[in-house]
Amino acid sequence: MLDPKSVVENGLLRGPIQHHGL
């Protein structure tokens, strides 16, 4: 699992898919 900050940043940059936790 990635860090919470990375997930948030990637989620906002990539989209809701990453934010879900893939």
PDB file of N, CA and C in Angstrom:
ATOM      1  N   MET A   1       0.851  -1.207   0.000  1.00  0.00           N
ATOM      2  CA  MET A   1       0.000   0.000   0.000  1.00  0.00           C
ATOM      3  C   MET A   1       0.882   1.252   0.000  1.00  0.00           C
ATOM      4  N   LEU A   2       0.443   2.256  -0.749  1.00  0.00           N
ATOM      5  CA  LEU A   2       1.217   3.499  -0.822  1.00  0.00           C
ATOM      6  C   LEU A   2       0.909   4.395   0.372  1.00  0.00           C
ATOM      7  N   ASP A   3       1.764   5.388   0.564  1.00  0.00           N
ATOM      8  CA  ASP A   3       1.548   6.314   1.690  1.00  0.00           C
ATOM      9  C   ASP A   3       0.256   7.101   1.480  1.00  0.00           C
ATOM     10  N   PRO A   4      -0.370   7.547   2.547  1.00  0.00           N
ATOM     11  CA  PRO A   4      -1.615   8.315   2.452  1.00  0.00           C
ATOM     12  C   PRO A   4      -1.454   9.573   1.612  1.00  0.00           C
ATOM     13  N   LYS A   5      -0.320  10.255   1.764  1.00  0.00           N
ATOM     14  CA  LYS A   5      -0.076  11.474   0.982  1.00  0.00           C
ATOM     15  C   LYS A   5       0.022  11.130  -0.504  1.00  0.00           C
ATOM     16  N   SER A   6       0.730  10.062  -0.821  1.00  0.00           N
ATOM     17  CA  SER A   6       0.881   9.668  -2.228  1.00  0.00           C
ATOM     18  C   SER A   6      -0.482   9.311  -2.814  1.00  0.00           C
ATOM     19  N   VAL A   7      -1.280   8.603  -2.027  1.00  0.00           N
ATOM     20  CA  VAL A   7      -2.604   8.190  -2.508  1.00  0.00           C
ATOM     21  C   VAL A   7      -3.461   9.415  -2.814  1.00  0.00           C
ATOM     22  N   VAL A   8      -3.406  10.391  -1.919  1.00  0.00           N
ATOM     23  CA  VAL A   8      -4.200  11.615  -2.123  1.00  0.00           C
ATOM     24  C   VAL A   8      -3.704  12.366  -3.347  1.00  0.00           C
ATOM     25  N   GLU A   9      -2.392  12.548  -3.435  1.00  0.00           N
ATOM     26  CA  GLU A   9      -1.829  13.280  -4.575  1.00  0.00           C
ATOM     27  C   GLU A   9      -2.110  12.540  -5.876  1.00  0.00           C
ATOM     28  N   ASN A  10      -1.831  11.244  -5.895  1.00  0.00           N
ATOM     29  CA  ASN A  10      -2.081  10.452  -7.104  1.00  0.00           C
ATOM     30  C   ASN A  10      -3.570  10.422  -7.425  1.00  0.00           C
ATOM     31  N   GLY A  11      -4.391  10.329  -6.389  1.00  0.00           N
ATOM     32  CA  GLY A  11      -5.838  10.280  -6.608  1.00  0.00           C
ATOM     33  C   GLY A  11      -6.330  11.565  -7.269  1.00  0.00           C
ATOM     34  N   LEU A  12      -5.792  12.703  -6.808  1.00  0.00           N
ATOM     35  CA  LEU A  12      -6.244  13.973  -7.385  1.00  0.00           C
ATOM     36  C   LEU A  12      -5.683  14.156  -8.792  1.00  0.00           C
ATOM     37  N   LEU A  13      -4.453  13.675  -9.006  1.00  0.00           N
ATOM     38  CA  LEU A  13      -3.823  13.851 -10.321  1.00  0.00           C
ATOM     39  C   LEU A  13      -4.349  12.828 -11.316  1.00  0.00           C
ATOM     40  N   ARG A  14      -4.455  11.565 -10.881  1.00  0.00           N
ATOM     41  CA  ARG A  14      -4.905  10.510 -11.801  1.00  0.00           C
ATOM     42  C   ARG A  14      -6.422  10.466 -11.860  1.00  0.00           C
ATOM     43  N   GLY A  15      -7.069  10.347 -10.704  1.00  0.00           N
ATOM     44  CA  GLY A  15      -8.533  10.298 -10.708  1.00  0.00           C
ATOM     45  C   GLY A  15      -9.063   9.550  -9.507  1.00  0.00           C
ATOM     46  N   PRO A  16     -10.375   9.373  -9.428  1.00  0.00           N
ATOM     47  CA  PRO A  16     -11.017   8.702  -8.296  1.00  0.00           C
ATOM     48  C   PRO A  16     -10.638   7.225  -8.213  1.00  0.00           C
ATOM     49  N   ILE A  17     -10.180   6.646  -9.324  1.00  0.00           N
ATOM     50  CA  ILE A  17      -9.831   5.215  -9.333  1.00  0.00           C
ATOM     51  C   ILE A  17      -8.714   4.943  -8.329  1.00  0.00           C
ATOM     52  N   GLN A  18      -7.632   5.729  -8.390  1.00  0.00           N
ATOM     53  CA  GLN A  18      -6.523   5.542  -7.462  1.00  0.00           C
ATOM     54  C   GLN A  18      -6.959   5.875  -6.042  1.00  0.00           C
ATOM     55  N   HIS A  19      -7.802   6.875  -5.896  1.00  0.00           N
ATOM     56  CA  HIS A  19      -8.239   7.307  -4.561  1.00  0.00           C
ATOM     57  C   HIS A  19      -8.967   6.162  -3.844  1.00  0.00           C
ATOM     58  N   HIS A  20      -9.646   5.310  -4.619  1.00  0.00           N
ATOM     59  CA  HIS A  20     -10.375   4.184  -4.010  1.00  0.00           C
ATOM     60  C   HIS A  20      -9.401   3.260  -3.287  1.00  0.00           C
ATOM     61  N   GLY A  21      -8.208   3.108  -3.841  1.00  0.00           N
ATOM     62  CA  GLY A  21      -7.195   2.264  -3.191  1.00  0.00           C
ATOM     63  C   GLY A  21      -6.865   1.047  -4.022  1.00  0.00           C
ATOM     64  N   LEU A  22      -6.523   1.277  -5.305  1.00  0.00           N
ATOM     65  CA  LEU A  22      -6.192   0.148  -6.182  1.00  0.00           C
ATOM     66  C   LEU A  22      -4.705  -0.170  -6.065  1.00  0.00           C
TER      67      LEU A  22
END
